[in-house]
C-alpha atoms as a PDB file:
ATOM      1  CA  MET A   1     -26.636  37.331  21.946  1.00  0.00           C
ATOM      2  CA  MET A   2     -22.890  37.234  21.550  1.00  0.00           C
ATOM      3  CA  LYS A   3     -20.862  39.542  23.779  1.00  0.00           C
ATOM      4  CA  LYS A   4     -18.670  41.843  21.665  1.00  0.00           C
ATOM      5  CA  ILE A   5     -14.984  41.304  22.467  1.00  0.00           C
ATOM      6  CA  PHE A   6     -12.435  43.710  20.983  1.00  0.00           C
ATOM      7  CA  ILE A   7      -9.179  42.205  19.765  1.00  0.00           C
ATOM      8  CA  ASP A   8      -6.475  44.800  19.129  1.00  0.00           C
ATOM      9  CA  THR A   9      -3.775  43.652  16.714  1.00  0.00           C
ATOM     10  CA  GLU A  10      -2.437  47.154  16.049  1.00  0.00           C
ATOM     11  CA  ASN A  11      -0.678  47.723  19.413  1.00  0.00           C
ATOM     12  CA  LEU A  12       1.225  44.519  20.136  1.00  0.00           C
ATOM     13  CA  GLY A  13       4.316  46.166  21.575  1.00  0.00           C
ATOM     14  CA  ASP A  14       5.106  43.824  24.446  1.00  0.00           C
ATOM     15  CA  ILE A  15       4.587  40.261  25.598  1.00  0.00           C
ATOM     16  CA  SER A  16       1.995  41.220  28.212  1.00  0.00           C
ATOM     17  CA  THR A  17      -0.196  42.996  25.658  1.00  0.00           C
ATOM     18  CA  CYS A  18       0.087  40.057  23.255  1.00  0.00           C
ATOM     19  CA  LEU A  19      -0.976  37.644  25.970  1.00  0.00           C
ATOM     20  CA  GLU A  20      -3.942  39.855  26.917  1.00  0.00           C
ATOM     21  CA  GLN A  21      -5.089  40.023  23.304  1.00  0.00           C
ATOM     22  CA  LEU A  22      -4.591  36.276  22.907  1.00  0.00           C
ATOM     23  CA  VAL A  23      -6.952  35.768  25.851  1.00  0.00           C
ATOM     24  CA  ASN A  24      -9.470  38.121  24.197  1.00  0.00           C
ATOM     25  CA  ALA A  25      -9.197  36.154  20.957  1.00  0.00           C
ATOM     26  CA  GLU A  26      -9.682  32.866  22.781  1.00  0.00           C
ATOM     27  CA  GLN A  27     -12.763  34.199  24.567  1.00  0.00           C
ATOM     28  CA  ALA A  28     -14.188  35.530  21.316  1.00  0.00           C
ATOM     29  CA  GLN A  29     -13.539  32.254  19.533  1.00  0.00           C
ATOM     30  CA  LEU A  30     -15.204  30.227  22.283  1.00  0.00           C
ATOM     31  CA  SER A  31     -18.204  32.546  22.250  1.00  0.00           C
ATOM     32  CA  ILE A  32     -18.567  32.292  18.478  1.00  0.00           C
ATOM     33  CA  GLU A  33     -18.176  28.515  18.505  1.00  0.00           C
ATOM     34  CA  GLN A  34     -20.861  28.305  21.172  1.00  0.00           C
ATOM     35  CA  GLN A  35     -23.115  30.496  19.049  1.00  0.00           C
ATOM     36  CA  LEU A  36     -22.441  28.279  16.028  1.00  0.00           C
ATOM     37  CA  ASP A  37     -23.677  25.287  17.990  1.00  0.00           C
ATOM     38  CA  GLN A  38     -26.920  27.084  18.912  1.00  0.00           C
ATOM     39  CA  SER A  39     -27.568  29.426  16.012  1.00  0.00           C
ATOM     40  CA  THR A  40     -29.448  29.415  12.785  1.00  0.00           C
ATOM     41  CA  ARG A  41     -27.370  32.436  11.666  1.00  0.00           C
ATOM     42  CA  ARG A  42     -24.314  30.352  10.867  1.00  0.00           C
ATOM     43  CA  GLY A  43     -23.001  32.560   8.063  1.00  0.00           C
ATOM     44  CA  LYS A  44     -22.387  35.583  10.258  1.00  0.00           C
ATOM     45  CA  ALA A  45     -20.883  33.474  13.057  1.00  0.00           C
ATOM     46  CA  GLU A  46     -18.593  31.627  10.623  1.00  0.00           C
ATOM     47  CA  THR A  47     -17.356  34.947   9.207  1.00  0.00           C
ATOM     48  CA  ALA A  48     -16.678  36.221  12.721  1.00  0.00           C
ATOM     49  CA  LEU A  49     -14.849  33.008  13.602  1.00  0.00           C
ATOM     50  CA  ARG A  50     -12.569  33.336  10.563  1.00  0.00           C
ATOM     51  CA  ALA A  51     -11.764  36.933  11.558  1.00  0.00           C
ATOM     52  CA  VAL A  52     -10.955  35.947  15.138  1.00  0.00           C
ATOM     53  CA  LYS A  53      -8.729  33.091  13.997  1.00  0.00           C
ATOM     54  CA  ALA A  54      -6.844  35.460  11.679  1.00  0.00           C
ATOM     55  CA  LYS A  55      -6.280  37.885  14.566  1.00  0.00           C
ATOM     56  CA  ARG A  56      -5.075  35.029  16.777  1.00  0.00           C
ATOM     57  CA  ARG A  57      -2.469  34.138  14.153  1.00  0.00           C
ATOM     58  CA  ILE A  58      -1.260  37.764  14.038  1.00  0.00           C
ATOM     59  CA  ILE A  59      -1.010  37.920  17.835  1.00  0.00           C
ATOM     60  CA  THR A  60       0.741  34.558  18.087  1.00  0.00           C
ATOM     61  CA  ALA A  61       3.279  35.532  15.433  1.00  0.00           C
ATOM     62  CA  ARG A  62       4.011  38.875  17.132  1.00  0.00           C
ATOM     63  CA  LEU A  63       4.322  37.099  20.486  1.00  0.00           C
ATOM     64  CA  ALA A  64       6.914  34.727  19.015  1.00  0.00           C
ATOM     65  CA  VAL A  65       8.956  37.680  17.707  1.00  0.00           C
ATOM     66  CA  LEU A  66       8.786  39.482  21.067  1.00  0.00           C
ATOM     67  CA  ARG A  67       9.831  36.367  22.969  1.00  0.00           C
ATOM     68  CA  GLN A  68      12.800  35.850  20.644  1.00  0.00           C
ATOM     69  CA  GLN A  69      13.838  39.488  21.082  1.00  0.00           C
ATOM     70  CA  GLU A  70      13.589  39.098  24.858  1.00  0.00           C
ATOM     71  CA  LYS A  71      15.713  35.954  24.699  1.00  0.00           C
ATOM     72  CA  VAL A  72      18.412  37.774  22.714  1.00  0.00           C
ATOM     73  CA  ARG A  73      18.327  40.726  25.154  1.00  0.00           C
ATOM     74  CA  ASN A  74      18.692  38.350  28.084  1.00  0.00           C
ATOM     75  CA  MET A  75      21.659  36.634  26.438  1.00  0.00           C
ATOM     76  CA  HIS A  76      23.357  39.997  25.807  1.00  0.00           C
ATOM     77  CA  ASN A  77      22.746  41.071  29.415  1.00  0.00           C
ATOM     78  CA  HIS A  78      24.149  37.784  30.688  1.00  0.00           C
ATOM     79  CA  ASP A  79      27.252  38.185  28.539  1.00  0.00           C
ATOM     80  CA  ARG A  80      27.733  41.770  29.733  1.00  0.00           C
ATOM     81  CA  TYR A  81      27.456  40.734  33.403  1.00  0.00           C
ATOM     82  CA  LEU A  82      29.745  37.755  32.858  1.00  0.00           C
ATOM     83  CA  ILE A  83      32.405  39.950  31.263  1.00  0.00           C
ATOM     84  CA  ALA A  84      32.179  42.464  34.104  1.00  0.00           C
ATOM     85  CA  GLU A  85      32.650  39.706  36.695  1.00  0.00           C
ATOM     86  CA  LEU A  86      35.528  38.109  34.790  1.00  0.00           C
ATOM     87  CA  ARG A  87      37.306  41.463  34.576  1.00  0.00           C
ATOM     88  CA  LYS A  88      37.281  41.550  38.396  1.00  0.00           C
ATOM     89  CA  ILE A  89      39.107  38.232  38.829  1.00  0.00           C
ATOM     90  CA  VAL A  90      41.216  37.758  35.672  1.00  0.00           C
ATOM     91  CA  THR A  91      44.430  39.682  35.082  1.00  0.00           C
ATOM     92  CA  PRO A  92      44.156  42.417  32.448  1.00  0.00           C
ATOM     93  CA  SER A  93      46.622  40.662  30.145  1.00  0.00           C
ATOM     94  CA  SER A  94      44.719  37.354  30.384  1.00  0.00           C
ATOM     95  CA  PHE A  95      41.438  39.121  29.728  1.00  0.00           C
ATOM     96  CA  GLU A  96      42.860  40.918  26.662  1.00  0.00           C
ATOM     97  CA  ARG A  97      44.268  37.633  25.341  1.00  0.00           C
ATOM     98  CA  CYS A  98      40.849  35.965  25.733  1.00  0.00           C
ATOM     99  CA  ALA A  99      39.142  38.934  24.068  1.00  0.00           C
ATOM    100  CA  ARG A 100      41.589  38.775  21.135  1.00  0.00           C
ATOM    101  CA  LEU A 101      41.091  35.004  20.711  1.00  0.00           C
ATOM    102  CA  ALA A 102      37.329  35.425  20.806  1.00  0.00           C
ATOM    103  CA  THR A 103      37.497  38.156  18.154  1.00  0.00           C
ATOM    104  CA  GLU A 104      39.678  35.945  15.935  1.00  0.00           C
ATOM    105  CA  LYS A 105      37.214  33.054  16.266  1.00  0.00           C
ATOM    106  CA  MET A 106      34.304  35.339  15.392  1.00  0.00           C
ATOM    107  CA  GLU A 107      36.150  36.641  12.316  1.00  0.00           C
ATOM    108  CA  ASN A 108      37.032  33.095  11.216  1.00  0.00           C
ATOM    109  CA  THR A 109      33.450  31.963  11.656  1.00  0.00           C
ATOM    110  CA  ALA A 110      32.142  34.983   9.751  1.00  0.00           C
ATOM    111  CA  SER A 111      34.569  34.433   6.865  1.00  0.00           C
ATOM    112  CA  GLN A 112      33.551  30.753   6.634  1.00  0.00           C
ATOM    113  CA  HIS A 113      29.899  31.756   6.250  1.00  0.00           C
ATOM    114  CA  GLU A 114      30.513  34.252   3.448  1.00  0.00           C
ATOM    115  CA  PHE A 115      29.492  33.178  -0.039  1.00  0.00           C
END
């Protein structure tokens, strides 16, 4: 008898939850594959396996999005901390000049990418 494993793809709000559900999906898939090897009721097991694989794809996709969002947040935090530290050691006029040059470069880059 296959142990029922619940895979929740509705509440994938953070990386930890995604990883937990990915483990559940892996366990369910292994259980179903084992049952396929030993079972005469292949149809039901094959249907269950397709469902588990679909849920794994949903979880994996959500996990990729969450990891990318975390990476962007970390980059923004790094930039914010870097700016705060630079403000402590660079003269105000030098900092403003650097900020102005950076803004100009961003505007130039943005205008080059417009269609």
